[in-house]
Amino acid sequence: AEMFINMDLTMDLAGPDPKILIYHTHAHEAFEDSVEGEEETTIVGAGAKLASLLEEEYGFKVLHHKSVYDNEREDAYAEALPAVEKILEENPTIEVVIDLHRDGLNGDRKLVMDLQGKPTARFMFFNGLSYSNKKGELDYLPNANLIENLSLSLKLTVAANEYYPGLGRTNYLNAYRYNMHYRGK
């Protein structure tokens, strides 16, 4: 079947000013082999590695924000909101915002695949829809960037699976906004 999605993923992310923000609403997220007290073994360490790869391999200027907002997990998005607003206000050149998480799974299920001889975590994009099947549109959570957010995450999943089949998992869609309203990417 012919693909009707415009797969243009080009973005002008060059230049001296930050274009990408990486932060962690849930900075306490750790992995099976994380070491207590060693940030580099947690999701924050994964964010540092991603920032390094984006800068060193691709030349993108990345701002990695490491503050903790999940001392009370259910309040993390509200707690992070003022800091994200301030960072974006102080860095208007930021076009892409990544809230990096690790996926929590029950039991022995693992989301690792063999990629060119290396165990590699499969990934999933998460989109908040500001819409509930029960309540309809959630007017109190407007997101003017919703379509652009969805479009980019779907394009990136398709592109990743084109190059590395199975690397990108099915995108996860949920009712709320999850601070995705500040940028279209």
N, C-alpha and C. Protein backbone atom coordinates (compact mmCIF):
# COMPACT_ATOMS: atom_id res chain seq x y z
N ALA A 1 0.85 -1.18 0.00
CA ALA A 1 0.00 0.00 0.00
C ALA A 1 0.88 1.23 0.00
N GLU A 2 0.44 2.24 -0.69
CA GLU A 2 1.20 3.48 -0.77
C GLU A 2 1.06 4.26 0.53
N MET A 3 2.15 4.87 0.98
CA MET A 3 2.17 5.63 2.21
C MET A 3 1.69 7.06 1.93
N PHE A 4 0.70 7.54 2.66
CA PHE A 4 0.16 8.87 2.44
C PHE A 4 0.62 9.86 3.50
N ILE A 5 1.59 9.48 4.30
CA ILE A 5 2.15 10.36 5.32
C ILE A 5 3.34 11.08 4.72
N ASN A 6 3.40 12.39 4.85
CA ASN A 6 4.57 13.14 4.42
C ASN A 6 5.70 12.81 5.39
N MET A 7 6.70 12.08 4.93
CA MET A 7 7.77 11.60 5.81
C MET A 7 8.94 12.56 5.93
N ASP A 8 8.76 13.82 5.56
CA ASP A 8 9.82 14.80 5.67
C ASP A 8 10.12 15.05 7.15
N LEU A 9 11.28 14.63 7.57
CA LEU A 9 11.68 14.81 8.97
C LEU A 9 12.80 15.84 9.10
N THR A 10 13.04 16.61 8.07
CA THR A 10 14.12 17.59 8.13
C THR A 10 13.75 18.71 9.08
N MET A 11 14.70 19.06 9.92
CA MET A 11 14.55 20.16 10.85
C MET A 11 15.87 20.90 10.88
N ASP A 12 15.82 22.22 10.95
CA ASP A 12 17.03 23.00 11.04
C ASP A 12 17.39 23.15 12.52
N LEU A 13 18.19 22.23 13.00
CA LEU A 13 18.55 22.24 14.42
C LEU A 13 20.01 22.61 14.62
N ALA A 14 20.62 23.22 13.60
CA ALA A 14 22.01 23.65 13.71
C ALA A 14 22.07 25.01 14.40
N GLY A 15 23.28 25.42 14.76
CA GLY A 15 23.49 26.73 15.37
C GLY A 15 23.96 26.62 16.79
N PRO A 16 24.39 27.76 17.35
CA PRO A 16 25.01 27.75 18.69
C PRO A 16 24.01 27.70 19.84
N ASP A 17 22.75 28.04 19.58
CA ASP A 17 21.75 28.08 20.65
C ASP A 17 21.05 26.73 20.79
N PRO A 18 20.60 26.40 22.01
CA PRO A 18 19.94 25.10 22.19
C PRO A 18 18.68 24.97 21.34
N LYS A 19 18.54 23.81 20.69
CA LYS A 19 17.38 23.51 19.86
C LYS A 19 16.56 22.36 20.44
N ILE A 20 17.19 21.58 21.32
CA ILE A 20 16.53 20.41 21.91
C ILE A 20 16.64 20.50 23.43
N LEU A 21 15.53 20.27 24.10
CA LEU A 21 15.50 20.16 25.55
C LEU A 21 15.19 18.71 25.91
N ILE A 22 16.00 18.13 26.77
CA ILE A 22 15.71 16.82 27.35
C ILE A 22 15.50 17.04 28.84
N TYR A 23 14.40 16.55 29.36
CA TYR A 23 14.14 16.61 30.80
C TYR A 23 13.44 15.32 31.22
N HIS A 24 13.21 15.19 32.52
CA HIS A 24 12.65 13.94 33.06
C HIS A 24 11.58 14.27 34.09
N THR A 25 10.31 14.15 33.70
CA THR A 25 9.24 14.34 34.67
C THR A 25 9.41 13.34 35.81
N HIS A 26 9.87 12.13 35.48
CA HIS A 26 10.07 11.09 36.49
C HIS A 26 11.55 10.71 36.56
N ALA A 27 12.33 11.59 37.17
CA ALA A 27 13.78 11.39 37.25
C ALA A 27 14.17 10.22 38.15
N HIS A 28 13.26 9.75 38.99
CA HIS A 28 13.58 8.60 39.86
C HIS A 28 13.53 7.26 39.12
N GLU A 29 13.07 7.27 37.87
CA GLU A 29 12.96 6.00 37.16
C GLU A 29 14.34 5.38 36.96
N ALA A 30 14.42 4.12 37.32
CA ALA A 30 15.69 3.38 37.24
C ALA A 30 15.47 2.11 36.44
N PHE A 31 16.55 1.41 36.23
CA PHE A 31 16.52 0.17 35.45
C PHE A 31 16.88 -1.00 36.36
N GLU A 32 16.67 -2.19 35.85
CA GLU A 32 16.97 -3.41 36.60
C GLU A 32 18.41 -3.41 37.12
N ASP A 33 19.33 -2.88 36.32
CA ASP A 33 20.74 -2.89 36.72
C ASP A 33 21.25 -1.53 37.21
N SER A 34 20.33 -0.60 37.53
CA SER A 34 20.75 0.70 38.07
C SER A 34 21.40 0.49 39.43
N VAL A 35 22.34 1.37 39.74
CA VAL A 35 23.05 1.32 41.01
C VAL A 35 22.58 2.48 41.87
N GLU A 36 22.14 2.17 43.09
CA GLU A 36 21.66 3.19 44.03
C GLU A 36 22.69 4.31 44.17
N GLY A 37 22.22 5.55 43.97
CA GLY A 37 23.10 6.71 44.13
C GLY A 37 23.94 7.05 42.91
N GLU A 38 23.85 6.26 41.85
CA GLU A 38 24.63 6.55 40.65
C GLU A 38 23.67 7.00 39.54
N GLU A 39 23.52 8.32 39.44
CA GLU A 39 22.59 8.93 38.49
C GLU A 39 22.80 8.44 37.06
N GLU A 40 24.04 8.21 36.70
CA GLU A 40 24.33 7.80 35.31
C GLU A 40 23.73 6.44 34.96
N THR A 41 23.28 5.67 35.95
CA THR A 41 22.67 4.37 35.68
C THR A 41 21.14 4.44 35.65
N THR A 42 20.58 5.65 35.80
CA THR A 42 19.13 5.83 35.83
C THR A 42 18.66 6.45 34.51
N ILE A 43 17.40 6.83 34.45
CA ILE A 43 16.87 7.48 33.25
C ILE A 43 17.57 8.80 33.00
N VAL A 44 18.03 9.47 34.05
CA VAL A 44 18.77 10.72 33.88
C VAL A 44 20.09 10.44 33.17
N GLY A 45 20.73 9.33 33.48
CA GLY A 45 21.94 8.93 32.77
C GLY A 45 21.66 8.61 31.31
N ALA A 46 20.52 7.99 31.05
CA ALA A 46 20.13 7.72 29.66
C ALA A 46 19.91 9.03 28.92
N GLY A 47 19.34 10.03 29.61
CA GLY A 47 19.15 11.35 29.01
C GLY A 47 20.48 12.01 28.70
N ALA A 48 21.46 11.85 29.59
CA ALA A 48 22.79 12.41 29.34
C ALA A 48 23.43 11.75 28.13
N LYS A 49 23.26 10.44 28.01
CA LYS A 49 23.80 9.72 26.86
C LYS A 49 23.13 10.18 25.57
N LEU A 50 21.81 10.34 25.58
CA LEU A 50 21.09 10.81 24.41
C LEU A 50 21.55 12.22 24.04
N ALA A 51 21.68 13.10 25.02
CA ALA A 51 22.15 14.46 24.76
C ALA A 51 23.54 14.43 24.12
N SER A 52 24.41 13.60 24.65
CA SER A 52 25.77 13.48 24.12
C SER A 52 25.76 12.99 22.67
N LEU A 53 24.96 11.97 22.39
CA LEU A 53 24.86 11.45 21.02
C LEU A 53 24.32 12.51 20.05
N LEU A 54 23.28 13.22 20.47
CA LEU A 54 22.70 14.24 19.61
C LEU A 54 23.69 15.36 19.32
N GLU A 55 24.49 15.71 20.32
CA GLU A 55 25.48 16.78 20.13
C GLU A 55 26.69 16.30 19.35
N GLU A 56 27.27 15.18 19.77
CA GLU A 56 28.53 14.73 19.17
C GLU A 56 28.35 14.07 17.80
N GLU A 57 27.28 13.31 17.63
CA GLU A 57 27.07 12.61 16.36
C GLU A 57 26.34 13.46 15.32
N TYR A 58 25.45 14.35 15.79
CA TYR A 58 24.61 15.08 14.86
C TYR A 58 24.80 16.60 14.90
N GLY A 59 25.54 17.10 15.88
CA GLY A 59 25.82 18.52 15.96
C GLY A 59 24.68 19.37 16.49
N PHE A 60 23.66 18.75 17.11
CA PHE A 60 22.56 19.51 17.67
C PHE A 60 22.97 20.07 19.03
N LYS A 61 22.54 21.27 19.34
CA LYS A 61 22.79 21.86 20.65
C LYS A 61 21.65 21.43 21.57
N VAL A 62 22.00 20.74 22.65
CA VAL A 62 21.01 20.14 23.54
C VAL A 62 21.16 20.72 24.95
N LEU A 63 20.04 21.03 25.56
CA LEU A 63 20.01 21.42 26.97
C LEU A 63 19.42 20.23 27.72
N HIS A 64 20.18 19.65 28.65
CA HIS A 64 19.69 18.51 29.44
C HIS A 64 19.39 19.01 30.85
N HIS A 65 18.12 19.03 31.20
CA HIS A 65 17.65 19.51 32.50
C HIS A 65 17.44 18.29 33.41
N LYS A 66 18.13 18.27 34.55
CA LYS A 66 18.15 17.07 35.40
C LYS A 66 17.36 17.19 36.71
N SER A 67 16.61 18.24 36.89
CA SER A 67 15.90 18.42 38.15
C SER A 67 14.88 17.31 38.38
N VAL A 68 14.56 17.10 39.65
CA VAL A 68 13.65 16.01 40.07
C VAL A 68 12.27 16.60 40.38
N TYR A 69 11.24 16.00 39.79
CA TYR A 69 9.87 16.46 39.99
C TYR A 69 8.95 15.37 40.52
N ASP A 70 9.46 14.17 40.72
CA ASP A 70 8.60 13.05 41.07
C ASP A 70 8.78 12.53 42.49
N ASN A 71 9.04 13.44 43.43
CA ASN A 71 9.06 12.99 44.81
C ASN A 71 7.67 12.48 45.19
N GLU A 72 6.64 13.10 44.64
CA GLU A 72 5.26 12.60 44.68
C GLU A 72 4.91 12.30 43.23
N ARG A 73 4.98 11.04 42.84
CA ARG A 73 4.87 10.65 41.44
C ARG A 73 3.64 11.22 40.73
N GLU A 74 2.48 11.21 41.40
CA GLU A 74 1.26 11.65 40.74
C GLU A 74 1.23 13.16 40.50
N ASP A 75 2.12 13.93 41.13
CA ASP A 75 2.16 15.37 40.94
C ASP A 75 3.28 15.82 40.00
N ALA A 76 4.01 14.89 39.42
CA ALA A 76 5.23 15.21 38.69
C ALA A 76 5.01 16.16 37.50
N TYR A 77 3.96 15.97 36.72
CA TYR A 77 3.75 16.83 35.56
C TYR A 77 3.46 18.26 36.00
N ALA A 78 2.62 18.43 37.03
CA ALA A 78 2.32 19.76 37.54
C ALA A 78 3.58 20.40 38.16
N GLU A 79 4.39 19.60 38.84
CA GLU A 79 5.62 20.11 39.45
C GLU A 79 6.63 20.55 38.39
N ALA A 80 6.70 19.84 37.28
CA ALA A 80 7.67 20.15 36.23
C ALA A 80 7.26 21.35 35.39
N LEU A 81 5.97 21.61 35.33
CA LEU A 81 5.43 22.64 34.44
C LEU A 81 6.11 24.01 34.57
N PRO A 82 6.24 24.59 35.76
CA PRO A 82 6.87 25.92 35.86
C PRO A 82 8.33 25.92 35.37
N ALA A 83 9.06 24.87 35.65
CA ALA A 83 10.46 24.81 35.21
C ALA A 83 10.56 24.71 33.69
N VAL A 84 9.71 23.89 33.08
CA VAL A 84 9.71 23.77 31.62
C VAL A 84 9.35 25.11 30.99
N GLU A 85 8.33 25.77 31.54
CA GLU A 85 7.94 27.09 31.04
C GLU A 85 9.11 28.06 31.09
N LYS A 86 9.82 28.07 32.22
CA LYS A 86 10.95 29.00 32.40
C LYS A 86 12.09 28.68 31.43
N ILE A 87 12.41 27.41 31.29
CA ILE A 87 13.49 27.00 30.38
C ILE A 87 13.16 27.43 28.95
N LEU A 88 11.92 27.21 28.52
CA LEU A 88 11.53 27.57 27.15
C LEU A 88 11.46 29.08 26.97
N GLU A 89 11.07 29.79 28.00
CA GLU A 89 11.06 31.25 27.93
C GLU A 89 12.49 31.79 27.81
N GLU A 90 13.42 31.20 28.57
CA GLU A 90 14.81 31.64 28.53
C GLU A 90 15.56 31.14 27.30
N ASN A 91 15.04 30.12 26.64
CA ASN A 91 15.67 29.51 25.47
C ASN A 91 14.66 29.37 24.35
N PRO A 92 14.23 30.49 23.75
CA PRO A 92 13.19 30.43 22.73
C PRO A 92 13.61 29.69 21.46
N THR A 93 14.89 29.37 21.31
CA THR A 93 15.35 28.64 20.13
C THR A 93 15.05 27.15 20.21
N ILE A 94 14.64 26.66 21.39
CA ILE A 94 14.33 25.24 21.53
C ILE A 94 13.10 24.90 20.71
N GLU A 95 13.25 23.90 19.82
CA GLU A 95 12.17 23.45 18.95
C GLU A 95 11.63 22.09 19.35
N VAL A 96 12.49 21.26 19.95
CA VAL A 96 12.13 19.88 20.29
C VAL A 96 12.26 19.70 21.79
N VAL A 97 11.20 19.17 22.41
CA VAL A 97 11.22 18.89 23.85
C VAL A 97 11.02 17.39 24.04
N ILE A 98 11.97 16.76 24.73
CA ILE A 98 11.91 15.32 24.99
C ILE A 98 11.80 15.12 26.49
N ASP A 99 10.69 14.54 26.93
CA ASP A 99 10.52 14.13 28.32
C ASP A 99 10.82 12.63 28.32
N LEU A 100 12.05 12.28 28.69
CA LEU A 100 12.53 10.90 28.55
C LEU A 100 12.18 10.07 29.78
N HIS A 101 11.55 8.93 29.53
CA HIS A 101 11.14 7.99 30.58
C HIS A 101 11.70 6.60 30.27
N ARG A 102 11.64 5.73 31.24
CA ARG A 102 11.85 4.31 30.98
C ARG A 102 10.49 3.66 31.19
N ASP A 103 10.24 2.61 30.45
CA ASP A 103 8.94 1.94 30.52
C ASP A 103 8.93 0.96 31.68
N GLY A 104 7.89 0.97 32.45
CA GLY A 104 7.73 0.01 33.53
C GLY A 104 6.91 -1.17 33.07
N LEU A 105 7.43 -2.35 33.28
CA LEU A 105 6.73 -3.57 32.85
C LEU A 105 6.55 -4.52 34.01
N ASN A 106 5.49 -5.28 33.94
CA ASN A 106 5.24 -6.29 34.96
C ASN A 106 5.90 -7.61 34.57
N GLY A 107 6.32 -8.35 35.56
CA GLY A 107 6.84 -9.69 35.33
C GLY A 107 8.19 -9.70 34.62
N ASP A 108 8.39 -10.75 33.84
CA ASP A 108 9.68 -10.96 33.17
C ASP A 108 9.72 -10.38 31.76
N ARG A 109 8.72 -9.61 31.37
CA ARG A 109 8.68 -9.05 30.01
C ARG A 109 9.82 -8.06 29.82
N LYS A 110 10.55 -8.19 28.75
CA LYS A 110 11.66 -7.31 28.43
C LYS A 110 11.41 -6.67 27.07
N LEU A 111 11.83 -5.44 26.92
CA LEU A 111 11.67 -4.73 25.66
C LEU A 111 13.03 -4.47 25.04
N VAL A 112 13.78 -5.53 24.89
CA VAL A 112 15.13 -5.45 24.33
C VAL A 112 15.16 -6.33 23.09
N MET A 113 15.80 -5.81 22.05
CA MET A 113 15.97 -6.58 20.82
C MET A 113 17.45 -6.62 20.46
N ASP A 114 17.80 -7.54 19.61
CA ASP A 114 19.16 -7.60 19.10
C ASP A 114 19.24 -6.65 17.91
N LEU A 115 20.10 -5.66 18.01
CA LEU A 115 20.28 -4.71 16.92
C LEU A 115 21.74 -4.71 16.53
N GLN A 116 22.01 -5.32 15.40
CA GLN A 116 23.37 -5.43 14.89
C GLN A 116 24.32 -6.02 15.94
N GLY A 117 23.84 -7.07 16.61
CA GLY A 117 24.66 -7.78 17.58
C GLY A 117 24.70 -7.17 18.97
N LYS A 118 23.94 -6.10 19.21
CA LYS A 118 23.94 -5.46 20.53
C LYS A 118 22.53 -5.48 21.10
N PRO A 119 22.40 -5.82 22.39
CA PRO A 119 21.07 -5.72 23.01
C PRO A 119 20.67 -4.25 23.06
N THR A 120 19.50 -3.94 22.50
CA THR A 120 19.05 -2.55 22.36
C THR A 120 17.61 -2.43 22.83
N ALA A 121 17.36 -1.42 23.64
CA ALA A 121 15.99 -1.19 24.13
C ALA A 121 15.11 -0.70 22.99
N ARG A 122 13.94 -1.30 22.87
CA ARG A 122 12.94 -0.81 21.94
C ARG A 122 12.31 0.43 22.58
N PHE A 123 11.80 1.34 21.78
CA PHE A 123 11.24 2.56 22.35
C PHE A 123 9.81 2.78 21.87
N MET A 124 9.14 3.70 22.58
CA MET A 124 7.75 4.02 22.27
C MET A 124 7.56 5.52 22.49
N PHE A 125 6.86 6.17 21.58
CA PHE A 125 6.47 7.55 21.79
C PHE A 125 5.12 7.57 22.49
N PHE A 126 4.95 8.57 23.32
CA PHE A 126 3.76 8.73 24.14
C PHE A 126 3.13 10.06 23.76
N ASN A 127 1.85 10.07 23.46
CA ASN A 127 1.16 11.32 23.12
C ASN A 127 -0.06 11.51 24.00
N GLY A 128 -0.18 12.70 24.56
CA GLY A 128 -1.39 13.10 25.26
C GLY A 128 -2.34 13.74 24.27
N LEU A 129 -3.60 13.38 24.32
CA LEU A 129 -4.58 13.81 23.33
C LEU A 129 -5.49 14.95 23.78
N SER A 130 -5.47 15.30 25.06
CA SER A 130 -6.40 16.29 25.60
C SER A 130 -7.84 15.90 25.25
N TYR A 131 -8.10 14.61 25.28
CA TYR A 131 -9.40 14.07 24.90
C TYR A 131 -9.66 12.77 25.65
N SER A 132 -10.86 12.62 26.15
CA SER A 132 -11.25 11.41 26.87
C SER A 132 -12.48 10.81 26.19
N ASN A 133 -12.51 9.49 26.07
CA ASN A 133 -13.68 8.84 25.49
C ASN A 133 -14.94 9.13 26.30
N LYS A 134 -14.80 9.28 27.62
CA LYS A 134 -15.96 9.53 28.48
C LYS A 134 -16.37 11.00 28.47
N LYS A 135 -15.37 11.90 28.49
CA LYS A 135 -15.66 13.33 28.63
C LYS A 135 -15.54 14.12 27.34
N GLY A 136 -14.99 13.51 26.31
CA GLY A 136 -14.75 14.24 25.07
C GLY A 136 -13.52 15.12 25.18
N GLU A 137 -13.53 16.25 24.48
CA GLU A 137 -12.38 17.16 24.50
C GLU A 137 -12.20 17.73 25.90
N LEU A 138 -10.96 17.71 26.38
CA LEU A 138 -10.65 18.23 27.72
C LEU A 138 -10.25 19.69 27.56
N ASP A 139 -11.25 20.58 27.58
CA ASP A 139 -11.03 22.00 27.33
C ASP A 139 -10.05 22.63 28.32
N TYR A 140 -9.97 22.08 29.52
CA TYR A 140 -9.07 22.63 30.53
C TYR A 140 -7.61 22.23 30.28
N LEU A 141 -7.35 21.40 29.25
CA LEU A 141 -6.00 21.00 28.87
C LEU A 141 -5.77 21.27 27.38
N PRO A 142 -5.84 22.52 26.95
CA PRO A 142 -5.68 22.79 25.52
C PRO A 142 -4.27 22.47 25.03
N ASN A 143 -4.17 22.01 23.80
CA ASN A 143 -2.87 21.74 23.18
C ASN A 143 -2.96 22.10 21.70
N ALA A 144 -2.55 23.31 21.38
CA ALA A 144 -2.57 23.77 19.99
C ALA A 144 -1.57 23.00 19.14
N ASN A 145 -0.63 22.30 19.77
CA ASN A 145 0.41 21.55 19.05
C ASN A 145 0.08 20.06 18.92
N LEU A 146 -1.12 19.66 19.25
CA LEU A 146 -1.49 18.25 19.28
C LEU A 146 -1.22 17.53 17.95
N ILE A 147 -1.68 18.06 16.85
CA ILE A 147 -1.52 17.39 15.55
C ILE A 147 -0.04 17.32 15.17
N GLU A 148 0.70 18.39 15.40
CA GLU A 148 2.13 18.37 15.09
C GLU A 148 2.87 17.37 15.98
N ASN A 149 2.51 17.31 17.26
CA ASN A 149 3.10 16.32 18.17
C ASN A 149 2.86 14.90 17.67
N LEU A 150 1.60 14.61 17.35
CA LEU A 150 1.24 13.27 16.85
C LEU A 150 1.96 12.95 15.56
N SER A 151 1.97 13.89 14.65
CA SER A 151 2.59 13.69 13.35
C SER A 151 4.07 13.33 13.49
N LEU A 152 4.78 14.10 14.30
CA LEU A 152 6.21 13.84 14.46
C LEU A 152 6.46 12.47 15.09
N SER A 153 5.73 12.13 16.14
CA SER A 153 5.98 10.85 16.80
C SER A 153 5.66 9.67 15.88
N LEU A 154 4.60 9.79 15.09
CA LEU A 154 4.27 8.72 14.14
C LEU A 154 5.33 8.62 13.04
N LYS A 155 5.78 9.75 12.52
CA LYS A 155 6.81 9.75 11.49
C LYS A 155 8.11 9.12 12.01
N LEU A 156 8.49 9.48 13.23
CA LEU A 156 9.73 8.94 13.78
C LEU A 156 9.64 7.44 14.02
N THR A 157 8.48 6.97 14.46
CA THR A 157 8.30 5.53 14.66
C THR A 157 8.39 4.79 13.33
N VAL A 158 7.71 5.31 12.30
CA VAL A 158 7.76 4.70 10.98
C VAL A 158 9.19 4.69 10.45
N ALA A 159 9.88 5.82 10.57
CA ALA A 159 11.26 5.91 10.06
C ALA A 159 12.19 4.94 10.80
N ALA A 160 12.06 4.86 12.13
CA ALA A 160 12.91 3.94 12.91
C ALA A 160 12.67 2.50 12.48
N ASN A 161 11.42 2.13 12.29
CA ASN A 161 11.10 0.75 11.90
C ASN A 161 11.48 0.45 10.46
N GLU A 162 11.55 1.48 9.65
CA GLU A 162 12.01 1.30 8.28
C GLU A 162 13.49 0.90 8.28
N TYR A 163 14.27 1.56 9.10
CA TYR A 163 15.70 1.26 9.20
C TYR A 163 15.98 0.04 10.06
N TYR A 164 15.26 -0.08 11.17
CA TYR A 164 15.49 -1.17 12.13
C TYR A 164 14.14 -1.76 12.54
N PRO A 165 13.63 -2.72 11.77
CA PRO A 165 12.30 -3.28 12.05
C PRO A 165 12.15 -3.75 13.49
N GLY A 166 11.08 -3.27 14.14
CA GLY A 166 10.78 -3.67 15.52
C GLY A 166 11.36 -2.75 16.57
N LEU A 167 12.20 -1.80 16.19
CA LEU A 167 12.81 -0.90 17.19
C LEU A 167 11.77 0.02 17.80
N GLY A 168 10.90 0.58 16.99
CA GLY A 168 9.85 1.47 17.49
C GLY A 168 8.59 0.69 17.79
N ARG A 169 8.14 0.78 19.03
CA ARG A 169 6.90 0.12 19.43
C ARG A 169 5.70 0.97 19.00
N THR A 170 4.51 0.43 19.13
CA THR A 170 3.30 1.16 18.82
C THR A 170 3.21 2.40 19.71
N ASN A 171 2.89 3.55 19.11
CA ASN A 171 2.77 4.78 19.88
C ASN A 171 1.65 4.63 20.90
N TYR A 172 1.88 5.19 22.09
CA TYR A 172 0.91 5.12 23.17
C TYR A 172 0.13 6.43 23.21
N LEU A 173 -1.18 6.36 23.20
CA LEU A 173 -2.03 7.53 23.24
C LEU A 173 -2.82 7.53 24.54
N ASN A 174 -2.87 8.70 25.20
CA ASN A 174 -3.58 8.80 26.47
C ASN A 174 -4.38 10.10 26.49
N ALA A 175 -5.31 10.21 27.40
CA ALA A 175 -6.26 11.32 27.41
C ALA A 175 -5.63 12.67 27.75
N TYR A 176 -4.69 12.73 28.66
CA TYR A 176 -4.26 14.01 29.19
C TYR A 176 -3.21 14.68 28.32
N ARG A 177 -2.66 15.79 28.75
CA ARG A 177 -1.79 16.61 27.93
C ARG A 177 -0.30 16.33 28.16
N TYR A 178 0.08 16.04 29.38
CA TYR A 178 1.45 15.68 29.74
C TYR A 178 2.49 16.73 29.32
N ASN A 179 2.15 18.00 29.47
CA ASN A 179 3.08 19.11 29.18
C ASN A 179 3.56 19.12 27.73
N MET A 180 2.78 18.59 26.82
CA MET A 180 3.18 18.50 25.41
C MET A 180 2.72 19.73 24.62
N HIS A 181 2.12 20.69 25.26
CA HIS A 181 1.52 21.82 24.57
C HIS A 181 2.49 22.97 24.28
N TYR A 182 3.72 22.89 24.75
CA TYR A 182 4.66 24.00 24.59
C TYR A 182 5.36 24.06 23.25
N ARG A 183 5.52 22.92 22.63
CA ARG A 183 6.18 22.87 21.32
C ARG A 183 5.49 21.82 20.46
N GLY A 184 5.59 22.00 19.15
CA GLY A 184 5.01 21.04 18.22
C GLY A 184 5.85 19.80 18.02
N LYS A 185 7.05 19.85 18.52
CA LYS A 185 7.94 18.69 18.41
C LYS A 185 8.38 18.30 19.82
